C-alpha atoms as a PDB file:
ATOM      1  CA  MET A   1     163.809 124.136  67.666  1.00  0.00           C
ATOM      2  CA  ASN A   2     161.130 122.037  69.360  1.00  0.00           C
ATOM      3  CA  THR A   3     162.717 119.523  71.750  1.00  0.00           C
ATOM      4  CA  ARG A   4     159.474 118.094  73.107  1.00  0.00           C
ATOM      5  CA  PRO A   5     158.611 114.564  71.968  1.00  0.00           C
ATOM      6  CA  ALA A   6     155.758 113.988  69.527  1.00  0.00           C
ATOM      7  CA  ARG A   7     152.318 113.275  70.904  1.00  0.00           C
ATOM      8  CA  GLY A   8     152.161 109.805  72.389  1.00  0.00           C
ATOM      9  CA  LYS A   9     155.949 109.584  72.648  1.00  0.00           C
ATOM     10  CA  ARG A  10     157.747 109.504  75.970  1.00  0.00           C
ATOM     11  CA  ASP A  11     160.301 112.152  76.851  1.00  0.00           C
ATOM     12  CA  PRO A  12     163.760 110.539  77.151  1.00  0.00           C
ATOM     13  CA  ARG A  13     164.202 112.151  80.582  1.00  0.00           C
ATOM     14  CA  ASP A  14     161.081 110.364  81.844  1.00  0.00           C
ATOM     15  CA  ILE A  15     162.422 107.055  80.562  1.00  0.00           C
ATOM     16  CA  VAL A  16     165.767 107.637  82.274  1.00  0.00           C
ATOM     17  CA  ASP A  17     163.996 108.510  85.533  1.00  0.00           C
ATOM     18  CA  THR A  18     161.961 105.304  85.356  1.00  0.00           C
ATOM     19  CA  THR A  19     165.091 103.274  84.646  1.00  0.00           C
ATOM     20  CA  LEU A  20     167.093 104.798  87.487  1.00  0.00           C
ATOM     21  CA  ARG A  21     164.207 104.295  89.915  1.00  0.00           C
ATOM     22  CA  ALA A  22     164.012 100.634  88.912  1.00  0.00           C
ATOM     23  CA  LEU A  23     167.760 100.182  89.360  1.00  0.00           C
ATOM     24  CA  THR A  24     167.610 101.519  92.910  1.00  0.00           C
ATOM     25  CA  ARG A  25     164.869  98.995  93.695  1.00  0.00           C
ATOM     26  CA  SER A  26     166.691  96.076  92.025  1.00  0.00           C
ATOM     27  CA  THR A  27     163.639  95.518  89.827  1.00  0.00           C
ATOM     28  CA  LEU A  28     164.039  92.706  87.303  1.00  0.00           C
ATOM     29  CA  SER A  29     161.837  94.260  84.640  1.00  0.00           C
ATOM     30  CA  VAL A  30     160.423  97.712  83.960  1.00  0.00           C
ATOM     31  CA  ILE A  31     157.662  98.927  81.671  1.00  0.00           C
ATOM     32  CA  ASP A  32     157.701 102.662  81.051  1.00  0.00           C
ATOM     33  CA  GLY A  33     154.472 104.456  80.148  1.00  0.00           C
ATOM     34  CA  ARG A  34     150.801 103.579  80.499  1.00  0.00           C
ATOM     35  CA  ALA A  35     150.281 102.404  76.930  1.00  0.00           C
ATOM     36  CA  ASN A  36     153.290 100.123  77.174  1.00  0.00           C
ATOM     37  CA  ALA A  37     152.018  98.703  80.455  1.00  0.00           C
ATOM     38  CA  LEU A  38     148.593  97.948  78.964  1.00  0.00           C
ATOM     39  CA  THR A  39     149.969  96.082  75.937  1.00  0.00           C
ATOM     40  CA  PRO A  40     151.022  92.891  77.774  1.00  0.00           C
ATOM     41  CA  LEU A  41     147.736  92.872  79.680  1.00  0.00           C
ATOM     42  CA  ILE A  42     145.646  93.120  76.524  1.00  0.00           C
ATOM     43  CA  PHE A  43     147.700  90.825  74.314  1.00  0.00           C
ATOM     44  CA  GLY A  44     148.738  88.390  77.021  1.00  0.00           C
ATOM     45  CA  ARG A  45     145.547  87.919  78.983  1.00  0.00           C
ATOM     46  CA  LEU A  46     142.472  89.452  77.392  1.00  0.00           C
ATOM     47  CA  LEU A  47     142.786  88.433  73.729  1.00  0.00           C
ATOM     48  CA  PRO A  48     143.029  84.905  72.400  1.00  0.00           C
ATOM     49  CA  PRO A  49     146.592  84.033  71.233  1.00  0.00           C
ATOM     50  CA  GLN A  50     145.504  83.613  67.605  1.00  0.00           C
ATOM     51  CA  PHE A  51     144.010  87.108  67.531  1.00  0.00           C
ATOM     52  CA  SER A  52     147.103  88.609  69.167  1.00  0.00           C
ATOM     53  CA  ALA A  53     149.310  86.916  66.557  1.00  0.00           C
ATOM     54  CA  LEU A  54     147.130  88.239  63.731  1.00  0.00           C
ATOM     55  CA  ILE A  55     147.354  91.817  65.020  1.00  0.00           C
ATOM     56  CA  ALA A  56     151.125  91.532  65.535  1.00  0.00           C
ATOM     57  CA  GLU A  57     151.552  90.230  61.992  1.00  0.00           C
ATOM     58  CA  ARG A  58     149.624  93.163  60.526  1.00  0.00           C
ATOM     59  CA  VAL A  59     151.564  95.708  62.567  1.00  0.00           C
ATOM     60  CA  MET A  60     154.897  94.178  61.532  1.00  0.00           C
ATOM     61  CA  ARG A  61     153.944  94.241  57.837  1.00  0.00           C
ATOM     62  CA  ARG A  62     153.195  97.977  58.013  1.00  0.00           C
ATOM     63  CA  SER A  63     156.639  98.843  59.352  1.00  0.00           C
END
């Protein structure tokens, strides 16, 4: 049985490591993974709010 995560998915052990590291530093917020870290930058600062809302709406309709 393959226990590795699918491509583009984070391994749960990596997520736990990130979480535990943040807890030892008393960090208020943590973003795990490069793609997840880029999302707020792109949608929060680089794209106009209307465009970000349009993309979010389309993604939510697909799921």
